[in-house]
């Protein structure tokens, strides 16, 4: 799926521009966008781990791959299909390093 939630993201962005970037005035559009993104993450088995209100960062060994995804998405105008290889590499890296971290903390 290329450009996931593009319509919802555009609606939210347009609302922000109309309201001089007052996020509180675009709550409905923001919730719609977040619901769409959550469905997309579930469909693609992409986990987000939250601790309080902050998203937990990927392992240090995988951060360069996260940047590669960002660069690829910008290069290909957010066409996920063209960047799937980078997403797959990142997911593999995170799984590998999270398993290592869990194994080190097990008694």
Protein backbone atom coordinates (compact mmCIF):
# COMPACT_ATOMS: atom_id res chain seq x y z
CA UNK A 1 0.00 0.00 0.00
CA UNK A 2 1.58 3.25 -1.04
CA UNK A 3 0.96 6.47 0.85
CA UNK A 4 -0.95 4.99 3.78
CA UNK A 5 -3.59 7.30 5.25
CA UNK A 6 -2.72 10.04 2.76
CA UNK A 7 -6.26 11.47 2.75
CA UNK A 8 -6.46 11.60 6.55
CA UNK A 9 -2.99 13.11 6.85
CA UNK A 10 -3.82 15.75 4.24
CA UNK A 11 -7.06 16.64 6.05
CA UNK A 12 -5.14 17.09 9.31
CA UNK A 13 -2.41 19.13 7.62
CA UNK A 14 -4.99 21.35 5.90
CA UNK A 15 -6.76 21.92 9.21
CA UNK A 16 -3.47 22.91 10.84
CA UNK A 17 -2.75 25.38 8.06
CA UNK A 18 -6.26 26.90 8.28
CA UNK A 19 -6.02 27.30 12.06
CA UNK A 20 -2.50 28.74 12.17
CA UNK A 21 -1.17 25.39 13.50
CA UNK A 22 -3.39 25.27 16.58
CA UNK A 23 -3.51 21.52 17.13
CA UNK A 24 -6.35 21.75 19.65
CA UNK A 25 -8.67 23.01 16.88
CA UNK A 26 -7.99 19.95 14.71
CA UNK A 27 -8.79 17.21 17.19
CA UNK A 28 -11.31 15.39 14.99
CA UNK A 29 -8.91 15.28 12.03
CA UNK A 30 -6.04 14.21 14.29
CA UNK A 31 -8.07 11.35 15.80
CA UNK A 32 -9.18 10.22 12.32
CA UNK A 33 -5.55 10.25 11.13
CA UNK A 34 -4.33 8.34 14.19
CA UNK A 35 -7.09 5.69 13.84
CA UNK A 36 -6.11 5.18 10.21
CA UNK A 37 -2.41 4.89 11.07
CA UNK A 38 -3.18 2.45 13.89
CA UNK A 39 -5.17 0.22 11.51
CA UNK A 40 -2.30 0.40 9.01
CA UNK A 41 0.24 -0.55 11.71
CA UNK A 42 -1.92 -3.49 12.80
CA UNK A 43 -2.37 -4.68 9.22
CA UNK A 44 1.39 -4.49 8.60
CA UNK A 45 2.27 -5.90 12.03
CA UNK A 46 4.21 -2.81 13.05
CA UNK A 47 4.36 -2.48 16.80
CA UNK A 48 4.65 0.77 18.66
CA UNK A 49 5.76 0.46 22.23
CA UNK A 50 4.70 3.29 24.46
CA UNK A 51 5.95 4.18 27.89
CA UNK A 52 3.80 6.88 29.41
CA UNK A 53 3.45 9.34 26.50
CA UNK A 54 6.83 8.78 24.85
CA UNK A 55 7.47 6.26 22.11
CA UNK A 56 10.40 4.04 23.00
CA UNK A 57 13.39 4.47 20.70
CA UNK A 58 14.72 1.60 18.60
CA UNK A 59 17.91 -0.14 19.71
CA UNK A 60 21.02 1.95 18.93
CA UNK A 61 22.16 -0.69 16.42
CA UNK A 62 19.00 -0.05 14.35
CA UNK A 63 18.81 3.74 14.37
CA UNK A 64 20.68 4.14 11.09
CA UNK A 65 18.13 1.85 9.45
CA UNK A 66 15.32 4.03 10.82
CA UNK A 67 16.99 7.02 9.18
CA UNK A 68 17.29 5.02 5.94
CA UNK A 69 13.52 4.48 5.96
CA UNK A 70 12.94 8.19 6.43
CA UNK A 71 15.32 9.05 3.58
CA UNK A 72 13.75 6.47 1.29
CA UNK A 73 10.24 7.69 2.03
CA UNK A 74 11.22 11.27 1.25
CA UNK A 75 13.03 10.21 -1.94
CA UNK A 76 10.02 8.25 -3.23
CA UNK A 77 7.32 10.69 -2.05
CA UNK A 78 6.18 8.42 0.79
CA UNK A 79 5.51 5.41 -1.47
CA UNK A 80 5.90 2.60 1.05
CA UNK A 81 6.07 -0.06 -1.66
CA UNK A 82 9.37 1.38 -2.87
CA UNK A 83 10.80 1.40 0.66
CA UNK A 84 9.52 -1.94 1.91
CA UNK A 85 13.04 -3.43 1.80
CA UNK A 86 14.22 -0.77 4.27
CA UNK A 87 11.24 -1.40 6.58
CA UNK A 88 11.91 -5.15 6.49
CA UNK A 89 15.60 -4.64 7.36
CA UNK A 90 14.66 -2.35 10.24
CA UNK A 91 12.08 -4.79 11.61
CA UNK A 92 14.61 -7.65 11.45
CA UNK A 93 17.20 -5.56 13.25
CA UNK A 94 14.79 -4.57 16.02
CA UNK A 95 13.63 -8.17 16.50
CA UNK A 96 17.24 -9.40 16.65
CA UNK A 97 18.38 -6.80 19.16
CA UNK A 98 15.25 -6.97 21.29
CA UNK A 99 15.68 -10.75 21.59
CA UNK A 100 19.31 -10.22 22.60
CA UNK A 101 18.33 -7.68 25.24
CA UNK A 102 15.65 -9.97 26.65
CA UNK A 103 18.05 -12.91 26.78
CA UNK A 104 20.62 -10.84 28.69
CA UNK A 105 18.05 -9.86 31.33
CA UNK A 106 16.63 -13.36 31.85
CA UNK A 107 17.82 -15.18 35.00
